[in-house]
């Protein structure tokens, strides 16, 4: 059971890392500043910076809003 917990935790960490890097790349490709993206989802620039650097994890709602902005699927 413990190994399953560790594997799930590692998989979740990989997913959040891939997601934050993908959102960073999409933001840049679309010419959006961190401040502008933050404005679009209702957070400040520092929050976007923290997401992109991995200091914080975005909420499911924030991730969904970003997916809608960039017209991508989260799955």
PDB file of N, CA and C in Angstrom:
ATOM      1  N   UNK A   1       0.825  -1.196   0.000  1.00  0.00           N
ATOM      2  CA  UNK A   1       0.000   0.000   0.000  1.00  0.00           C
ATOM      3  C   UNK A   1       0.865   1.255   0.000  1.00  0.00           C
ATOM      4  N   UNK A   2       1.935   1.243   0.781  1.00  0.00           N
ATOM      5  CA  UNK A   2       2.819   2.409   0.863  1.00  0.00           C
ATOM      6  C   UNK A   2       3.446   2.720  -0.489  1.00  0.00           C
ATOM      7  N   UNK A   3       3.856   1.686  -1.230  1.00  0.00           N
ATOM      8  CA  UNK A   3       4.447   1.902  -2.548  1.00  0.00           C
ATOM      9  C   UNK A   3       3.451   2.549  -3.502  1.00  0.00           C
ATOM     10  N   UNK A   4       2.174   2.152  -3.418  1.00  0.00           N
ATOM     11  CA  UNK A   4       1.150   2.767  -4.255  1.00  0.00           C
ATOM     12  C   UNK A   4       1.001   4.246  -3.934  1.00  0.00           C
ATOM     13  N   UNK A   5       1.047   4.592  -2.652  1.00  0.00           N
ATOM     14  CA  UNK A   5       0.946   5.994  -2.253  1.00  0.00           C
ATOM     15  C   UNK A   5       2.115   6.799  -2.808  1.00  0.00           C
ATOM     16  N   UNK A   6       3.301   6.232  -2.731  1.00  0.00           N
ATOM     17  CA  UNK A   6       4.489   6.916  -3.245  1.00  0.00           C
ATOM     18  C   UNK A   6       4.377   7.085  -4.757  1.00  0.00           C
ATOM     19  N   UNK A   7       3.956   6.034  -5.454  1.00  0.00           N
ATOM     20  CA  UNK A   7       3.815   6.110  -6.911  1.00  0.00           C
ATOM     21  C   UNK A   7       2.772   7.141  -7.324  1.00  0.00           C
ATOM     22  N   UNK A   8       1.638   7.189  -6.621  1.00  0.00           N
ATOM     23  CA  UNK A   8       0.608   8.184  -6.929  1.00  0.00           C
ATOM     24  C   UNK A   8       1.134   9.585  -6.684  1.00  0.00           C
ATOM     25  N   UNK A   9       1.856   9.765  -5.601  1.00  0.00           N
ATOM     26  CA  UNK A   9       2.419  11.070  -5.267  1.00  0.00           C
ATOM     27  C   UNK A   9       3.412  11.506  -6.348  1.00  0.00           C
ATOM     28  N   UNK A  10       4.274  10.613  -6.771  1.00  0.00           N
ATOM     29  CA  UNK A  10       5.251  10.926  -7.812  1.00  0.00           C
ATOM     30  C   UNK A  10       4.553  11.239  -9.142  1.00  0.00           C
ATOM     31  N   UNK A  11       3.527  10.489  -9.479  1.00  0.00           N
ATOM     32  CA  UNK A  11       2.783  10.728 -10.722  1.00  0.00           C
ATOM     33  C   UNK A  11       2.089  12.085 -10.671  1.00  0.00           C
ATOM     34  N   UNK A  12       1.512  12.427  -9.532  1.00  0.00           N
ATOM     35  CA  UNK A  12       0.856  13.727  -9.384  1.00  0.00           C
ATOM     36  C   UNK A  12       1.870  14.855  -9.509  1.00  0.00           C
ATOM     37  N   UNK A  13       3.043  14.680  -8.931  1.00  0.00           N
ATOM     38  CA  UNK A  13       4.085  15.699  -9.051  1.00  0.00           C
ATOM     39  C   UNK A  13       4.530  15.878 -10.495  1.00  0.00           C
ATOM     40  N   UNK A  14       4.683  14.780 -11.216  1.00  0.00           N
ATOM     41  CA  UNK A  14       5.059  14.866 -12.632  1.00  0.00           C
ATOM     42  C   UNK A  14       3.992  15.606 -13.433  1.00  0.00           C
ATOM     43  N   UNK A  15       2.729  15.282 -13.161  1.00  0.00           N
ATOM     44  CA  UNK A  15       1.629  15.924 -13.883  1.00  0.00           C
ATOM     45  C   UNK A  15       1.606  17.417 -13.609  1.00  0.00           C
ATOM     46  N   UNK A  16       1.728  17.822 -12.353  1.00  0.00           N
ATOM     47  CA  UNK A  16       1.688  19.256 -12.052  1.00  0.00           C
ATOM     48  C   UNK A  16       2.882  19.982 -12.672  1.00  0.00           C
ATOM     49  N   UNK A  17       4.033  19.332 -12.704  1.00  0.00           N
ATOM     50  CA  UNK A  17       5.206  19.945 -13.342  1.00  0.00           C
ATOM     51  C   UNK A  17       4.968  20.118 -14.836  1.00  0.00           C
ATOM     52  N   UNK A  18       4.484  19.077 -15.496  1.00  0.00           N
ATOM     53  CA  UNK A  18       4.201  19.162 -16.929  1.00  0.00           C
ATOM     54  C   UNK A  18       3.152  20.232 -17.213  1.00  0.00           C
ATOM     55  N   UNK A  19       2.134  20.302 -16.371  1.00  0.00           N
ATOM     56  CA  UNK A  19       1.053  21.267 -16.569  1.00  0.00           C
ATOM     57  C   UNK A  19       1.561  22.694 -16.405  1.00  0.00           C
ATOM     58  N   UNK A  20       2.328  22.959 -15.371  1.00  0.00           N
ATOM     59  CA  UNK A  20       2.801  24.333 -15.152  1.00  0.00           C
ATOM     60  C   UNK A  20       3.748  24.767 -16.266  1.00  0.00           C
ATOM     61  N   UNK A  21       4.585  23.855 -16.744  1.00  0.00           N
ATOM     62  CA  UNK A  21       5.492  24.207 -17.839  1.00  0.00           C
ATOM     63  C   UNK A  21       4.721  24.411 -19.144  1.00  0.00           C
ATOM     64  N   UNK A  22       3.711  23.589 -19.368  1.00  0.00           N
ATOM     65  CA  UNK A  22       2.879  23.738 -20.573  1.00  0.00           C
ATOM     66  C   UNK A  22       2.151  25.069 -20.558  1.00  0.00           C
ATOM     67  N   UNK A  23       1.580  25.435 -19.411  1.00  0.00           N
ATOM     68  CA  UNK A  23       0.891  26.719 -19.313  1.00  0.00           C
ATOM     69  C   UNK A  23       1.864  27.878 -19.501  1.00  0.00           C
ATOM     70  N   UNK A  24       3.053  27.772 -18.961  1.00  0.00           N
ATOM     71  CA  UNK A  24       4.065  28.823 -19.145  1.00  0.00           C
ATOM     72  C   UNK A  24       4.387  28.983 -20.632  1.00  0.00           C
ATOM     73  N   UNK A  25       4.615  27.849 -21.300  1.00  0.00           N
ATOM     74  CA  UNK A  25       4.934  27.901 -22.727  1.00  0.00           C
ATOM     75  C   UNK A  25       3.776  28.487 -23.538  1.00  0.00           C
ATOM     76  N   UNK A  26       2.552  28.078 -23.223  1.00  0.00           N
ATOM     77  CA  UNK A  26       1.387  28.603 -23.932  1.00  0.00           C
ATOM     78  C   UNK A  26       1.232  30.101 -23.699  1.00  0.00           C
ATOM     79  N   UNK A  27       1.461  30.537 -22.476  1.00  0.00           N
ATOM     80  CA  UNK A  27       1.375  31.967 -22.171  1.00  0.00           C
ATOM     81  C   UNK A  27       2.364  32.736 -23.032  1.00  0.00           C
ATOM     82  N   UNK A  28       3.584  32.256 -23.088  1.00  0.00           N
ATOM     83  CA  UNK A  28       4.618  32.924 -23.884  1.00  0.00           C
ATOM     84  C   UNK A  28       4.292  32.888 -25.373  1.00  0.00           C
ATOM     85  N   UNK A  29       3.860  31.717 -25.864  1.00  0.00           N
ATOM     86  CA  UNK A  29       3.527  31.573 -27.291  1.00  0.00           C
ATOM     87  C   UNK A  29       2.401  32.508 -27.707  1.00  0.00           C
ATOM     88  N   UNK A  30       1.504  32.797 -26.770  1.00  0.00           N
ATOM     89  CA  UNK A  30       0.361  33.667 -27.053  1.00  0.00           C
ATOM     90  C   UNK A  30       0.632  35.129 -26.717  1.00  0.00           C
ATOM     91  N   UNK A  31       1.861  35.433 -26.350  1.00  0.00           N
ATOM     92  CA  UNK A  31       2.248  36.815 -26.104  1.00  0.00           C
ATOM     93  C   UNK A  31       1.593  37.450 -24.892  1.00  0.00           C
ATOM     94  N   UNK A  32       1.243  36.625 -23.904  1.00  0.00           N
ATOM     95  CA  UNK A  32       0.625  37.153 -22.691  1.00  0.00           C
ATOM     96  C   UNK A  32       1.671  37.341 -21.605  1.00  0.00           C
ATOM     97  N   UNK A  33       1.601  38.449 -20.921  1.00  0.00           N
ATOM     98  CA  UNK A  33       2.447  38.639 -19.750  1.00  0.00           C
ATOM     99  C   UNK A  33       1.840  37.860 -18.585  1.00  0.00           C
ATOM    100  N   UNK A  34       2.631  37.647 -17.563  1.00  0.00           N
ATOM    101  CA  UNK A  34       2.094  37.008 -16.359  1.00  0.00           C
ATOM    102  C   UNK A  34       0.971  37.857 -15.772  1.00  0.00           C
ATOM    103  N   UNK A  35       1.143  39.173 -15.807  1.00  0.00           N
ATOM    104  CA  UNK A  35       0.121  40.072 -15.268  1.00  0.00           C
ATOM    105  C   UNK A  35      -1.189  39.948 -16.042  1.00  0.00           C
ATOM    106  N   UNK A  36      -1.112  39.893 -17.376  1.00  0.00           N
ATOM    107  CA  UNK A  36      -2.323  39.794 -18.194  1.00  0.00           C
ATOM    108  C   UNK A  36      -3.020  38.457 -17.976  1.00  0.00           C
ATOM    109  N   UNK A  37      -2.264  37.364 -17.936  1.00  0.00           N
ATOM    110  CA  UNK A  37      -2.875  36.060 -17.682  1.00  0.00           C
ATOM    111  C   UNK A  37      -3.522  36.045 -16.300  1.00  0.00           C
ATOM    112  N   UNK A  38      -2.836  36.596 -15.326  1.00  0.00           N
ATOM    113  CA  UNK A  38      -3.410  36.681 -13.987  1.00  0.00           C
ATOM    114  C   UNK A  38      -4.720  37.453 -13.979  1.00  0.00           C
ATOM    115  N   UNK A  39      -4.740  38.550 -14.710  1.00  0.00           N
ATOM    116  CA  UNK A  39      -5.957  39.353 -14.811  1.00  0.00           C
ATOM    117  C   UNK A  39      -7.103  38.525 -15.394  1.00  0.00           C
ATOM    118  N   UNK A  40      -6.795  37.722 -16.403  1.00  0.00           N
ATOM    119  CA  UNK A  40      -7.821  36.916 -17.055  1.00  0.00           C
ATOM    120  C   UNK A  40      -8.416  35.852 -16.135  1.00  0.00           C
ATOM    121  N   UNK A  41      -7.615  35.332 -15.200  1.00  0.00           N
ATOM    122  CA  UNK A  41      -8.152  34.289 -14.306  1.00  0.00           C
ATOM    123  C   UNK A  41      -8.405  34.798 -12.891  1.00  0.00           C
ATOM    124  N   UNK A  42      -8.168  36.089 -12.655  1.00  0.00           N
ATOM    125  CA  UNK A  42      -8.521  36.685 -11.365  1.00  0.00           C
ATOM    126  C   UNK A  42      -7.473  36.541 -10.272  1.00  0.00           C
ATOM    127  N   UNK A  43      -6.203  36.492 -10.668  1.00  0.00           N
ATOM    128  CA  UNK A  43      -5.115  36.451  -9.687  1.00  0.00           C
ATOM    129  C   UNK A  43      -4.079  37.503 -10.081  1.00  0.00           C
ATOM    130  N   UNK A  44      -3.122  37.759  -9.218  1.00  0.00           N
ATOM    131  CA  UNK A  44      -2.105  38.751  -9.559  1.00  0.00           C
ATOM    132  C   UNK A  44      -0.906  38.100 -10.252  1.00  0.00           C
ATOM    133  N   UNK A  45      -0.012  38.938 -10.740  1.00  0.00           N
ATOM    134  CA  UNK A  45       1.168  38.476 -11.473  1.00  0.00           C
ATOM    135  C   UNK A  45       2.021  37.554 -10.631  1.00  0.00           C
ATOM    136  N   UNK A  46       2.169  37.863  -9.349  1.00  0.00           N
ATOM    137  CA  UNK A  46       3.000  37.037  -8.472  1.00  0.00           C
ATOM    138  C   UNK A  46       2.456  35.620  -8.370  1.00  0.00           C
ATOM    139  N   UNK A  47       1.153  35.465  -8.402  1.00  0.00           N
ATOM    140  CA  UNK A  47       0.546  34.137  -8.345  1.00  0.00           C
ATOM    141  C   UNK A  47       0.908  33.333  -9.590  1.00  0.00           C
ATOM    142  N   UNK A  48       0.841  33.965 -10.758  1.00  0.00           N
ATOM    143  CA  UNK A  48       1.228  33.279 -11.990  1.00  0.00           C
ATOM    144  C   UNK A  48       2.704  32.909 -11.933  1.00  0.00           C
ATOM    145  N   UNK A  49       3.531  33.818 -11.466  1.00  0.00           N
ATOM    146  CA  UNK A  49       4.961  33.535 -11.321  1.00  0.00           C
ATOM    147  C   UNK A  49       5.187  32.343 -10.398  1.00  0.00           C
ATOM    148  N   UNK A  50       4.459  32.304  -9.300  1.00  0.00           N
ATOM    149  CA  UNK A  50       4.588  31.188  -8.361  1.00  0.00           C
ATOM    150  C   UNK A  50       4.129  29.870  -8.975  1.00  0.00           C
ATOM    151  N   UNK A  51       3.069  29.895  -9.786  1.00  0.00           N
ATOM    152  CA  UNK A  51       2.627  28.697 -10.495  1.00  0.00           C
ATOM    153  C   UNK A  51       3.730  28.198 -11.417  1.00  0.00           C
ATOM    154  N   UNK A  52       4.247  29.119 -12.225  1.00  0.00           N
ATOM    155  CA  UNK A  52       5.215  28.741 -13.240  1.00  0.00           C
ATOM    156  C   UNK A  52       6.532  28.248 -12.656  1.00  0.00           C
ATOM    157  N   UNK A  53       6.892  28.758 -11.490  1.00  0.00           N
ATOM    158  CA  UNK A  53       8.154  28.351 -10.867  1.00  0.00           C
ATOM    159  C   UNK A  53       7.994  27.102 -10.005  1.00  0.00           C
ATOM    160  N   UNK A  54       6.753  26.710  -9.744  1.00  0.00           N
ATOM    161  CA  UNK A  54       6.505  25.540  -8.922  1.00  0.00           C
ATOM    162  C   UNK A  54       6.457  25.825  -7.433  1.00  0.00           C
ATOM    163  N   UNK A  55       6.492  27.106  -7.057  1.00  0.00           N
ATOM    164  CA  UNK A  55       6.419  27.443  -5.631  1.00  0.00           C
ATOM    165  C   UNK A  55       5.034  27.158  -5.059  1.00  0.00           C
ATOM    166  N   UNK A  56       4.008  27.288  -5.909  1.00  0.00           N
ATOM    167  CA  UNK A  56       2.647  26.956  -5.497  1.00  0.00           C
ATOM    168  C   UNK A  56       1.997  26.113  -6.580  1.00  0.00           C
ATOM    169  N   UNK A  57       0.921  25.440  -6.230  1.00  0.00           N
ATOM    170  CA  UNK A  57       0.163  24.619  -7.175  1.00  0.00           C
ATOM    171  C   UNK A  57      -1.170  25.322  -7.415  1.00  0.00           C
ATOM    172  N   UNK A  58      -1.527  25.462  -8.673  1.00  0.00           N
ATOM    173  CA  UNK A  58      -2.788  26.117  -8.989  1.00  0.00           C
ATOM    174  C   UNK A  58      -3.963  25.242  -8.596  1.00  0.00           C
ATOM    175  N   UNK A  59      -5.070  25.886  -8.316  1.00  0.00           N
ATOM    176  CA  UNK A  59      -6.283  25.134  -7.995  1.00  0.00           C
ATOM    177  C   UNK A  59      -6.825  24.494  -9.273  1.00  0.00           C
ATOM    178  N   UNK A  60      -7.704  23.554  -9.110  1.00  0.00           N
ATOM    179  CA  UNK A  60      -8.339  22.911 -10.260  1.00  0.00           C
ATOM    180  C   UNK A  60      -9.109  23.960 -11.058  1.00  0.00           C
ATOM    181  N   UNK A  61      -9.780  24.858 -10.369  1.00  0.00           N
ATOM    182  CA  UNK A  61     -10.540  25.917 -11.046  1.00  0.00           C
ATOM    183  C   UNK A  61      -9.611  26.803 -11.870  1.00  0.00           C
ATOM    184  N   UNK A  62      -8.491  27.195 -11.306  1.00  0.00           N
ATOM    185  CA  UNK A  62      -7.542  28.039 -12.038  1.00  0.00           C
ATOM    186  C   UNK A  62      -6.967  27.299 -13.242  1.00  0.00           C
ATOM    187  N   UNK A  63      -6.646  26.034 -13.065  1.00  0.00           N
ATOM    188  CA  UNK A  63      -6.127  25.238 -14.177  1.00  0.00           C
ATOM    189  C   UNK A  63      -7.174  25.125 -15.280  1.00  0.00           C
ATOM    190  N   UNK A  64      -8.427  24.930 -14.902  1.00  0.00           N
ATOM    191  CA  UNK A  64      -9.503  24.823 -15.885  1.00  0.00           C
ATOM    192  C   UNK A  64      -9.679  26.141 -16.633  1.00  0.00           C
ATOM    193  N   UNK A  65      -9.646  27.256 -15.911  1.00  0.00           N
ATOM    194  CA  UNK A  65      -9.780  28.561 -16.555  1.00  0.00           C
ATOM    195  C   UNK A  65      -8.641  28.791 -17.547  1.00  0.00           C
ATOM    196  N   UNK A  66      -7.435  28.408 -17.170  1.00  0.00           N
ATOM    197  CA  UNK A  66      -6.304  28.566 -18.076  1.00  0.00           C
ATOM    198  C   UNK A  66      -6.461  27.659 -19.295  1.00  0.00           C
ATOM    199  N   UNK A  67      -6.953  26.457 -19.088  1.00  0.00           N
ATOM    200  CA  UNK A  67      -7.184  25.551 -20.208  1.00  0.00           C
ATOM    201  C   UNK A  67      -8.205  26.140 -21.180  1.00  0.00           C
ATOM    202  N   UNK A  68      -9.235  26.784 -20.652  1.00  0.00           N
ATOM    203  CA  UNK A  68     -10.224  27.433 -21.510  1.00  0.00           C
ATOM    204  C   UNK A  68      -9.600  28.590 -22.296  1.00  0.00           C
ATOM    205  N   UNK A  69      -8.772  29.373 -21.642  1.00  0.00           N
ATOM    206  CA  UNK A  69      -8.111  30.490 -22.309  1.00  0.00           C
ATOM    207  C   UNK A  69      -7.260  29.997 -23.472  1.00  0.00           C
ATOM    208  N   UNK A  70      -6.529  28.916 -23.245  1.00  0.00           N
ATOM    209  CA  UNK A  70      -5.615  28.395 -24.258  1.00  0.00           C
ATOM    210  C   UNK A  70      -6.239  27.328 -25.148  1.00  0.00           C
ATOM    211  N   UNK A  71      -7.525  27.046 -24.917  1.00  0.00           N
ATOM    212  CA  UNK A  71      -8.284  26.093 -25.719  1.00  0.00           C
ATOM    213  C   UNK A  71      -7.589  24.730 -25.780  1.00  0.00           C
ATOM    214  N   UNK A  72      -7.288  24.189 -24.586  1.00  0.00           N
ATOM    215  CA  UNK A  72      -6.673  22.869 -24.475  1.00  0.00           C
ATOM    216  C   UNK A  72      -7.475  22.024 -23.498  1.00  0.00           C
ATOM    217  N   UNK A  73      -7.251  20.722 -23.552  1.00  0.00           N
ATOM    218  CA  UNK A  73      -7.837  19.777 -22.603  1.00  0.00           C
ATOM    219  C   UNK A  73      -6.845  19.562 -21.464  1.00  0.00           C
ATOM    220  N   UNK A  74      -7.343  19.376 -20.257  1.00  0.00           N
ATOM    221  CA  UNK A  74      -6.463  19.106 -19.113  1.00  0.00           C
ATOM    222  C   UNK A  74      -6.044  17.658 -19.026  1.00  0.00           C
ATOM    223  N   UNK A  75      -6.818  16.757 -19.550  1.00  0.00           N
ATOM    224  CA  UNK A  75      -6.518  15.336 -19.428  1.00  0.00           C
ATOM    225  C   UNK A  75      -5.432  14.893 -20.363  1.00  0.00           C
TER     226      UNK A  75
END
